[in-house]
Protein backbone atom coordinates (compact mmCIF):
# COMPACT_ATOMS: atom_id res chain seq x y z
CA MET A 1 26.10 -14.37 -7.08
CA PRO A 2 27.52 -11.59 -9.29
CA ALA A 3 25.71 -8.28 -9.52
CA PRO A 4 23.58 -7.83 -12.65
CA PRO A 5 25.20 -5.83 -15.44
CA ARG A 6 24.09 -2.24 -15.60
CA SER A 7 24.68 0.88 -17.61
CA ASN A 8 23.96 4.50 -16.93
CA GLU A 9 21.79 4.64 -20.04
CA ASP A 10 19.47 1.95 -18.65
CA CYS A 11 19.31 2.97 -14.99
CA SER A 12 16.29 4.38 -13.18
CA ILE A 13 18.50 6.06 -10.55
CA LYS A 14 20.50 7.84 -13.26
CA ARG A 15 17.32 9.03 -15.02
CA THR A 16 15.94 10.27 -11.70
CA LEU A 17 19.17 12.15 -10.95
CA ASP A 18 18.96 13.75 -14.40
CA VAL A 19 15.77 15.42 -13.13
CA LEU A 20 16.41 15.84 -9.39
CA GLY A 21 20.19 15.77 -9.06
CA GLU A 22 20.96 19.43 -9.71
CA ARG A 23 22.01 21.48 -6.74
CA TRP A 24 19.04 23.27 -5.13
CA THR A 25 16.34 21.07 -6.71
CA LEU A 26 15.61 19.00 -3.60
CA LEU A 27 15.47 22.19 -1.54
CA VAL A 28 12.87 23.58 -3.94
CA LEU A 29 10.88 20.39 -3.42
CA ARG A 30 11.35 20.60 0.36
CA GLU A 31 9.80 24.06 0.32
CA ALA A 32 6.97 22.90 -1.96
CA PHE A 33 6.15 20.14 0.55
CA TYR A 34 6.20 22.74 3.33
CA GLY A 35 3.56 24.66 1.36
CA VAL A 36 5.73 27.44 -0.06
CA ARG A 37 4.45 28.30 -3.54
CA ARG A 38 5.66 31.72 -4.60
CA PHE A 39 8.96 32.52 -6.28
CA ASP A 40 10.07 35.25 -3.86
CA ASP A 41 9.29 33.04 -0.84
CA LEU A 42 11.14 30.10 -2.39
CA GLN A 43 14.15 32.28 -3.17
CA ARG A 44 14.25 33.75 0.33
CA ASN A 45 13.91 30.37 2.07
CA ILE A 46 16.41 28.53 -0.11
CA GLY A 47 18.91 31.33 -0.62
CA CYS A 48 19.95 30.54 -4.18
CA ALA A 49 20.31 33.08 -6.96
CA ARG A 50 17.10 34.05 -8.75
CA ASN A 51 18.31 32.86 -12.16
CA ILE A 52 19.20 29.44 -10.73
CA LEU A 53 15.83 29.12 -8.99
CA SER A 54 14.11 30.14 -12.20
CA ARG A 55 15.91 27.34 -14.10
CA ARG A 56 15.13 24.76 -11.40
CA LEU A 57 11.46 25.69 -11.41
CA ALA A 58 11.34 25.54 -15.21
CA THR A 59 12.85 22.04 -15.15
CA LEU A 60 10.41 20.83 -12.49
CA VAL A 61 7.47 22.27 -14.45
CA ALA A 62 8.74 20.76 -17.73
CA GLN A 63 9.07 17.37 -16.01
CA GLY A 64 5.50 17.58 -14.66
CA ILE A 65 6.61 17.64 -11.01
CA LEU A 66 5.34 21.17 -10.38
CA ARG A 67 2.62 23.09 -12.17
CA ARG A 68 2.36 26.85 -12.54
CA GLU A 69 -0.86 28.54 -11.47
CA PRO A 70 -1.43 32.24 -12.08
CA TYR A 71 -2.31 34.61 -9.27
CA ARG A 72 -2.51 38.36 -9.02
CA GLU A 73 -2.11 40.60 -6.00
CA PRO A 74 -4.17 43.83 -6.08
CA LYS A 75 -2.47 46.53 -8.17
CA SER A 76 0.27 44.12 -9.30
CA ARG A 77 1.05 42.22 -12.45
CA SER A 78 0.03 38.60 -12.84
CA ARG A 79 2.50 36.10 -11.35
CA TYR A 80 2.68 32.33 -10.83
CA GLU A 81 2.57 29.97 -7.90
CA TYR A 82 4.22 26.57 -8.09
CA ARG A 83 2.24 23.59 -6.85
CA LEU A 84 3.13 19.92 -6.63
CA THR A 85 1.47 17.63 -9.16
CA ASP A 86 0.58 14.01 -8.40
CA LYS A 87 3.96 13.10 -9.90
CA GLY A 88 5.63 15.57 -7.55
CA LEU A 89 3.71 14.33 -4.52
CA GLU A 90 5.14 10.85 -5.13
CA LEU A 91 8.58 12.27 -4.26
CA PHE A 92 7.50 12.68 -0.62
CA PRO A 93 9.07 9.40 0.59
CA ILE A 94 12.40 10.41 -0.97
CA LEU A 95 12.48 13.66 0.97
CA ILE A 96 11.43 11.94 4.19
CA ALA A 97 14.14 9.29 3.68
CA LEU A 98 16.76 12.02 3.17
CA MET A 99 15.51 13.80 6.28
CA GLN A 100 15.62 10.57 8.32
CA TRP A 101 19.18 9.87 7.21
CA GLY A 102 20.23 13.46 7.95
CA ASP A 103 18.61 13.36 11.39
CA ARG A 104 20.53 10.19 12.19
CA TRP A 105 23.93 10.82 10.57
CA ALA A 106 24.26 14.58 10.04
CA ALA A 107 22.25 15.95 12.95
CA TYR A 108 23.01 18.92 15.13
CA PRO A 109 23.52 18.22 18.86
CA HIS A 110 20.19 19.89 19.70
CA GLY A 111 18.28 17.51 17.42
CA PRO A 112 16.42 17.85 14.13
CA PRO A 113 15.26 21.32 13.12
CA VAL A 114 11.99 19.95 11.69
CA THR A 115 9.95 16.83 12.26
CA VAL A 116 7.14 15.71 10.01
CA ARG A 117 4.10 14.49 11.93
CA HIS A 118 1.02 12.47 10.98
CA ARG A 119 -1.98 14.80 11.14
CA GLY A 120 -4.16 12.02 12.56
CA CYS A 121 -2.12 11.08 15.64
CA GLU A 122 0.90 13.43 15.69
CA ALA A 123 3.42 10.55 15.57
CA ALA A 124 6.61 11.20 13.62
CA VAL A 125 6.52 10.11 9.97
CA GLU A 126 9.18 7.67 8.79
CA VAL A 127 10.01 5.75 5.64
CA VAL A 128 10.07 1.98 6.04
CA ILE A 129 11.05 -0.39 3.23
CA GLN A 130 8.95 -3.50 2.78
CA CYS A 131 8.36 -5.98 -0.02
CA ALA A 132 5.11 -6.16 -1.99
CA ALA A 133 4.04 -9.09 0.21
CA GLY A 134 4.26 -6.87 3.31
CA HIS A 135 7.48 -8.22 4.85
CA GLY A 136 9.58 -5.61 6.55
CA PRO A 137 11.14 -3.46 7.59
CA LEU A 138 13.88 -4.51 5.17
CA THR A 139 17.50 -3.40 4.89
CA ALA A 140 19.83 -3.61 1.89
CA ARG A 141 21.06 -6.95 3.25
CA ASP A 142 17.54 -8.37 2.88
CA THR A 143 17.30 -7.56 -0.83
CA ARG A 144 18.95 -8.45 -4.13
CA PRO A 145 18.93 -6.85 -7.57
CA VAL A 146 17.23 -8.84 -10.34
CA LEU A 147 17.45 -7.94 -14.01
CA SER A 148 14.13 -7.36 -15.69
CA ALA A 149 13.28 -9.63 -18.63
CA ARG A 150 13.85 -6.64 -20.94
CA SER A 151 17.33 -5.99 -19.50
CA ALA A 152 18.34 -9.64 -19.59
CA ALA A 153 17.58 -9.96 -23.32
């Protein structure tokens, strides 16, 4: 069976990469999931230039992935923290999948630097693909692309 026709203009992966595909963006999100909220802490942990971080944060806020919340330290000017929105929280499986892949295929000999654990039982968290009927885990060989009715028209 031939693959369905596709274009970059009508591709969910392309539209996602338009938002998340810039260098440093996923590292900003990694830090947000680790609970880092303040610009200076983000910049120190990620190591990118301040102007680049500022642009990445602005994009993530404009896309509704992060929200800015004001805070003020005593005797300092007002500043902002960056917090994940519900839309941003839905990116968690993507980051875990990237971490899983990196731990398997790009790992250091001493093992992963970070593991994400379930608070309830302390087991490692993993991403597993399953269909809506609950069958899984699935691999790419268990799936097929199907054009939506809108795309087929």
